Protein backbone atom coordinates (compact mmCIF):
# COMPACT_ATOMS: atom_id res chain seq x y z
CA MET A 1 -22.02 -20.61 -1.43
CA ASN A 2 -20.15 -22.73 0.77
CA LYS A 3 -17.32 -20.06 0.20
CA LEU A 4 -19.55 -17.16 1.34
CA LYS A 5 -20.72 -18.74 4.45
CA THR A 6 -17.20 -19.19 5.51
CA MET A 7 -16.57 -15.80 4.80
CA LEU A 8 -19.05 -14.57 6.82
CA CYS A 9 -18.53 -16.85 9.80
CA ALA A 10 -14.85 -15.66 10.06
CA PHE A 11 -16.19 -11.83 9.96
CA CYS A 12 -18.79 -12.78 12.47
CA THR A 13 -16.01 -14.43 14.66
CA LEU A 14 -13.64 -11.70 14.13
CA VAL A 15 -16.76 -9.08 15.27
CA LEU A 16 -17.13 -11.45 18.39
CA VAL A 17 -13.83 -11.07 18.74
CA ASN A 18 -13.69 -7.13 18.57
CA VAL A 19 -16.20 -6.55 20.86
CA GLY A 20 -14.20 -6.23 23.83
CA THR A 21 -11.51 -3.95 22.06
CA SER A 22 -14.43 -1.56 20.52
CA VAL A 23 -13.35 1.31 22.80
CA VAL A 24 -10.31 1.82 20.46
CA ALA A 25 -11.90 1.14 17.61
CA ASP A 26 -13.46 4.16 15.70
CA SER A 27 -15.84 4.14 12.35
CA SER A 28 -15.20 7.37 11.50
CA GLY A 29 -11.94 7.59 10.17
CA PHE A 30 -13.24 5.35 7.67
CA ALA A 31 -16.79 7.35 6.50
CA GLY A 32 -17.04 9.18 3.52
CA PRO A 33 -16.63 9.19 -0.39
CA TYR A 34 -13.25 7.28 -1.55
CA ILE A 35 -11.05 6.93 -5.22
CA GLY A 36 -8.63 4.52 -5.46
CA LEU A 37 -6.43 3.09 -8.12
CA GLN A 38 -6.41 -0.82 -8.25
CA MET A 39 -4.03 -3.38 -9.10
CA THR A 40 -5.06 -6.76 -9.72
CA ALA A 41 -3.46 -9.84 -10.48
CA ALA A 42 -6.61 -12.61 -11.11
CA GLY A 43 -6.10 -16.07 -12.35
CA ILE A 44 -8.60 -16.66 -14.80
CA GLU A 45 -10.30 -20.38 -15.55
CA MET A 46 -12.32 -20.82 -18.23
CA ALA A 47 -13.41 -24.49 -18.35
CA GLY A 48 -15.08 -24.87 -22.23
CA HIS A 49 -16.62 -27.38 -24.44
CA SER A 50 -16.70 -27.46 -27.80
CA SER A 51 -19.22 -30.19 -30.03
CA GLU A 52 -19.57 -31.24 -33.59
CA ALA A 53 -23.37 -32.48 -34.69
CA GLY A 54 -23.90 -34.83 -37.34
CA ILE A 55 -25.35 -38.14 -38.35
CA SER A 56 -24.48 -40.71 -35.78
CA ALA A 57 -23.52 -44.21 -37.03
CA SER A 58 -26.74 -45.78 -34.67
CA ASP A 59 -28.98 -43.41 -37.13
CA SER A 60 -28.72 -46.40 -40.07
CA GLY A 61 -29.40 -43.79 -42.70
CA ASP A 62 -32.19 -41.54 -41.31
CA THR A 63 -30.83 -38.30 -42.02
CA ASP A 64 -34.20 -36.68 -39.82
CA ASP A 65 -31.71 -37.63 -36.97
CA ALA A 66 -28.44 -35.48 -35.69
CA GLY A 67 -26.25 -37.01 -32.92
CA ILE A 68 -22.82 -35.66 -31.76
CA VAL A 69 -20.37 -37.15 -33.14
CA SER A 70 -17.35 -35.32 -31.17
CA SER A 71 -16.70 -33.58 -28.68
CA ASP A 72 -13.88 -32.21 -26.60
CA ASP A 73 -13.59 -30.70 -23.39
CA LEU A 74 -11.32 -27.84 -23.12
CA ASN A 75 -9.90 -25.91 -19.81
CA VAL A 76 -7.80 -23.30 -19.93
CA GLY A 77 -6.25 -20.89 -16.99
CA LYS A 78 -4.24 -18.07 -17.64
CA ALA A 79 -2.81 -15.02 -15.15
CA ALA A 80 -2.53 -11.56 -15.58
CA ALA A 81 -1.83 -8.38 -13.77
CA ILE A 82 -4.55 -5.74 -14.29
CA ALA A 83 -5.40 -2.29 -13.69
CA GLY A 84 -8.19 -0.56 -12.54
CA ILE A 85 -10.47 1.95 -10.76
CA GLN A 86 -12.42 1.98 -7.57
CA ILE A 87 -14.42 4.42 -5.81
CA GLY A 88 -17.00 4.14 -3.03
CA TYR A 89 -18.89 5.68 -0.23
CA ALA A 90 -18.38 4.17 3.38
CA ILE A 91 -21.78 4.77 5.67
CA PRO A 92 -21.02 4.41 9.17
CA ILE A 93 -23.57 2.71 11.38
CA GLY A 94 -22.44 2.22 14.55
CA ASN A 95 -19.52 3.00 16.40
CA THR A 96 -17.10 0.09 14.97
CA PHE A 97 -19.50 -0.93 11.87
CA LEU A 98 -19.43 0.77 8.36
CA LEU A 99 -21.37 -0.14 5.23
CA ASP A 100 -19.44 0.32 2.06
CA ILE A 101 -20.94 0.70 -1.19
CA GLY A 102 -18.82 1.19 -4.18
CA ALA A 103 -18.08 0.26 -7.80
CA SER A 104 -14.89 -0.86 -9.67
CA TYR A 105 -13.63 -1.09 -13.51
CA LEU A 106 -10.86 -3.33 -14.43
CA SER A 107 -9.29 -3.26 -18.14
CA GLY A 108 -8.02 -6.74 -19.15
CA GLU A 109 -8.89 -9.74 -21.39
CA ALA A 110 -8.42 -13.62 -21.30
CA LYS A 111 -9.17 -15.63 -23.77
CA ILE A 112 -10.25 -19.73 -24.58
CA GLU A 113 -8.98 -21.29 -27.91
CA ALA A 114 -10.33 -24.21 -30.00
CA LEU A 115 -10.68 -25.67 -33.00
CA THR A 116 -14.03 -27.06 -34.54
CA ASP A 117 -13.82 -30.72 -36.12
CA ASP A 118 -15.29 -29.72 -38.88
CA THR A 119 -12.42 -31.31 -41.77
CA VAL A 120 -12.90 -28.99 -44.46
CA ALA A 121 -13.36 -26.09 -42.24
CA LYS A 122 -10.55 -25.98 -39.65
CA GLY A 123 -11.41 -22.69 -38.43
CA ASN A 124 -9.93 -20.95 -35.02
CA VAL A 125 -12.34 -20.07 -32.50
CA SER A 126 -11.67 -17.90 -29.20
CA PHE A 127 -13.62 -16.01 -26.76
CA LYS A 128 -12.71 -13.28 -24.93
CA ILE A 129 -13.71 -11.66 -21.50
CA ASP A 130 -12.32 -7.84 -20.75
CA ASP A 131 -13.37 -4.64 -18.83
CA VAL A 132 -14.51 -6.44 -15.56
CA ARG A 133 -17.11 -3.67 -14.25
CA THR A 134 -18.55 -4.76 -10.45
CA ILE A 135 -20.99 -2.76 -7.96
CA PHE A 136 -20.77 -4.11 -4.51
CA ILE A 137 -21.41 -3.66 -0.86
CA ALA A 138 -18.81 -4.55 1.72
CA PRO A 139 -20.02 -4.93 5.59
CA THR A 140 -17.02 -3.54 7.55
CA ILE A 141 -15.72 -3.65 11.41
CA ALA A 142 -13.24 -0.87 12.48
CA LEU A 143 -10.46 -3.00 14.54
CA SER A 144 -8.58 0.47 15.49
CA GLU A 145 -8.62 4.11 14.63
CA THR A 146 -6.65 2.64 11.80
CA SER A 147 -7.50 -0.54 10.41
CA SER A 148 -10.92 -2.34 9.36
CA LEU A 149 -11.82 -5.45 8.14
CA TYR A 150 -14.69 -6.27 5.82
CA VAL A 151 -16.26 -8.94 3.27
CA LYS A 152 -17.81 -7.79 -0.25
CA ILE A 153 -20.40 -9.16 -2.43
CA GLY A 154 -20.78 -7.71 -5.57
CA LEU A 155 -22.13 -8.14 -9.37
CA SER A 156 -20.18 -8.52 -11.79
CA GLU A 157 -20.00 -8.14 -15.68
CA ALA A 158 -17.83 -8.55 -18.66
CA ASP A 159 -17.97 -8.13 -22.20
CA VAL A 160 -17.28 -10.93 -24.61
CA GLY A 161 -15.95 -11.27 -27.75
CA VAL A 162 -15.09 -13.96 -30.30
CA THR A 163 -12.86 -14.59 -33.47
CA GLY A 164 -13.96 -17.04 -35.75
CA ASP A 165 -17.31 -17.72 -38.11
CA ILE A 166 -19.43 -18.13 -34.82
CA SER A 167 -22.08 -16.10 -32.80
CA THR A 168 -21.15 -13.55 -30.59
CA PRO A 169 -23.13 -14.83 -27.04
CA ALA A 170 -24.02 -12.44 -24.45
CA ASP A 171 -21.89 -10.52 -22.14
CA LEU A 172 -20.61 -12.06 -19.05
CA SER A 173 -22.80 -11.64 -15.30
CA GLY A 174 -21.86 -13.34 -12.44
CA THR A 175 -21.33 -12.92 -8.28
CA ASN A 176 -18.15 -11.28 -6.62
CA LEU A 177 -17.09 -12.62 -3.19
CA ALA A 178 -14.17 -11.29 -1.34
CA ILE A 179 -12.53 -10.69 1.57
CA GLY A 180 -10.07 -8.06 2.80
CA THR A 181 -8.75 -5.22 4.91
CA ARG A 182 -8.17 -1.79 4.67
CA SER A 183 -6.16 1.15 6.10
CA VAL A 184 -6.67 4.71 6.62
CA LEU A 185 -3.45 7.31 7.39
CA ALA A 186 -4.68 10.79 9.01
CA SER A 187 -4.15 12.39 5.90
CA GLY A 188 -6.78 10.07 4.35
CA ILE A 189 -4.61 8.06 1.98
CA PHE A 190 -5.57 4.59 2.41
CA ILE A 191 -4.22 1.03 1.11
CA ARG A 192 -7.13 -2.02 0.85
CA THR A 193 -5.90 -5.67 0.14
CA GLU A 194 -8.44 -8.06 -1.04
CA ALA A 195 -8.40 -11.70 -1.90
CA GLY A 196 -11.88 -12.69 -3.72
CA MET A 197 -13.68 -14.91 -6.70
CA ILE A 198 -16.10 -14.29 -9.78
CA ASP A 199 -18.04 -16.88 -10.85
CA TYR A 200 -19.57 -15.62 -13.93
CA ASN A 201 -22.63 -17.51 -15.93
CA GLU A 202 -21.51 -19.95 -18.66
CA ILE A 203 -21.04 -18.25 -22.08
CA GLY A 204 -21.99 -20.62 -25.31
CA ALA A 205 -21.65 -20.22 -29.31
CA HIS A 206 -22.28 -21.72 -32.44
CA GLY A 207 -20.58 -21.66 -36.10
CA LEU A 208 -22.49 -19.28 -38.39
CA GLY A 209 -21.29 -21.18 -41.50
CA ASN A 210 -21.08 -17.93 -43.96
CA ALA A 211 -17.28 -17.00 -43.81
CA THR A 212 -14.31 -17.70 -46.56
CA VAL A 213 -13.47 -20.62 -43.90
CA PRO A 214 -17.03 -21.44 -42.66
CA ILE A 215 -17.82 -23.11 -39.53
CA PRO A 216 -20.77 -25.28 -39.54
CA VAL A 217 -24.05 -24.07 -37.73
CA THR A 218 -23.94 -27.55 -35.93
CA SER A 219 -20.56 -26.75 -34.28
CA GLN A 220 -21.16 -25.54 -30.56
CA TYR A 221 -18.82 -24.05 -28.30
CA SER A 222 -19.45 -22.98 -24.79
CA ALA A 223 -17.39 -21.85 -21.75
CA GLU A 224 -17.38 -21.53 -18.14
CA PRO A 225 -14.99 -18.34 -16.49
CA THR A 226 -14.04 -17.97 -13.00
CA VAL A 227 -11.66 -15.53 -11.37
CA ALA A 228 -9.73 -15.74 -8.41
CA TYR A 229 -7.79 -12.31 -7.52
CA GLY A 230 -5.49 -10.68 -4.81
CA SER A 231 -5.98 -6.94 -5.16
CA ILE A 232 -4.27 -3.54 -3.90
CA THR A 233 -5.96 -0.76 -3.77
CA ILE A 234 -4.57 2.82 -2.92
CA GLY A 235 -6.46 5.73 -2.77
CA MET A 236 -7.78 8.71 -0.85
CA ARG A 237 -10.46 9.26 1.41
CA PHE A 238 -12.21 12.43 1.38
């Protein structure tokens, strides 16, 4: 929420500054449908946790109660270059303002790996997230006939896969916040630069205990993925 407030404050400040120069700005040059190829440099961090439940020493032989006998925190980061596609439609709502509504698809993956504490299984476990899909709305202000500034708020989803004898969690969902610029040439070709983040919900899984190298159902795994990125999109406005 603080990141969103900061971006909105910066956007509003630029709107006020632009009031005095709105004569040279024209939203019509940015309006209409568009499609572009997006190249993204992403830093993906997953704060993970694994735990193994069992009989704790304080139970004194009471096998009806189970406690956490081992627990590990895991933090994994990965940088990657990811390609994708973006489509949208910019609707003019004034001489200098537009409402950009669109969607994007990025193909790439990141993993977090852990090792179960079970001394017999020692099964390797990993989460994988890929195929990031986002729908967004981006209030935009035209700074001149060829350049504009926007803030973006979107909803993002990604597929989740696992390796090892563990359950598969539901797909990820999260919030995308970003700020960027869009420059359009007379030919309709545009260049969009953007910096933002995607904060996903927590994913979790547990052992299934039914593979060749089983992981007990008492083994629990979780991770909270966050994506920080910078992107460049080159495309065509129609």
